[in-house]
Amino acid sequence: MIKKPKLKLFNLFCLLLAVLFLFGCEPPQEISLKQCPGKATIQESLQTLQASSSQIQPFIAYGSGLVHFYDEEEGKPKKETISAVKIWFEPPDKFRFWGDVVFDKRGLDVGSNEQEFWFTARPKEIGNVYIWGLWAEQKNEDDLLISPKVMRQAFGFINVDSGQNWTLTPGRYQDVLTQRGEQNRIIRRIHIDNCEYRVRQVEYFDSDENVFAVLNLDDFKNVDEKMAIPSKIQIVNLNDDGNSDIIDITVKSVKPQDIMKQALFARPGTKRFKNVYKLINGKAVEQPQQ
C-alpha cells in the first residue's frame, strides 16, 4: 500500500494531470464585474465550450509552480517550488509535463500517450513514487480523475458531451453547468464567465456530493487569433483531515509548434524509483522495478 502522505500527494498530482488534460491551458482569471448575457440553452452552452476546445493546437509551454501540502510525518505544512515547468501537448492525447523540484531536474514527470499514462516524483521529499496505468484497464471512470474521457479532452478539451446529464443555471456574471451521474448524484460543477465564455472554476464532488477538489482558472493569454491559453492554474485538493493540498502553476510562455520528437510521449523506465505502482481500475497495485 502507498503510505497516506504519498497517496495524498499522488491524488493532488492526479488532479493536476486531470486539469492539464481537461482544461489544458485555461487557468484562473478574475471574473469581470461586467454583466453579459449567458447562453439560452444547455445545448448552446455545451456547443460553445466544444467549439473552443476544437481550436487547441499542438504547443510547447514554459512556466513555474509551487506545491503546498501537509506533511503528516512531520506534522506541519510544507511547500516545494517547481522551479521550471515544461509542457508538450499534441492533441488529443499526447502530453508531457516536466517539473524541476527539490534540486532535481525533471523531478516531476507527468505524461500520456494513446495507450497509457504515468506520474513520477523522484525526490524522496515528495514520495519517490512511480505510478502508471493503461487506459484500457480503467473501467470505472467516475472514480478515476485521470480517465480516458479526461485524456481525450487534453489541453483545453472540455468534456461536455451532450449525451451526459447536464443542467444549466444562468447568472448575471456566470453560467453554471452541473453534471450528474448515476442515481442523479452531482459529479462536476463548471463555472463559466459569461462575457468571454471561458471556464473559471470547476468543482469535483465525491459519492456523498461533497466537494473534494476545486480548480481555479485564470489570466488567459491569446496565443493566436483562435487559441487562448490560461497563464495561471490553481488546484486545491480538500483532504478529510481538514488540510488542503494546493498546486499553483504559472504558464509564462506558449509557442504553437508541431512536436517532432515523438519519443517525448513514451513512458519512462522505473529503475530509479523505490515505490512503483500500477493503476488497475483506479486501484494502485505494487509493481516490481523494471
Foldseek 3Di string as FASTA:
>chain_A
DADPLLVVLVVLVLLVLLCCLAANQFAFADFDPDFDFADPDPVVLLVVLQQLLVLDAWKKFKWWKKKWDADVVVGGIDMKIQGIWIWTDHPDAWIWIATQIPNRGSQWIWTADPFKTKIAHCDVVNPLEIEMETQVQADPVLLRSNHPLSRNLHHSRHNDPVVFDWDWDTDRFWIKIWTADPPRATAKIWTAGRPVRGTAKMFGADPVRDTFKMKGGHDWDDQDPRHIGTQWIKIWGQDPVRDIMIMIIGTDDMHRDDDDPPCSRDDDFSVSGPFYFYAGNNDTDTDDGD
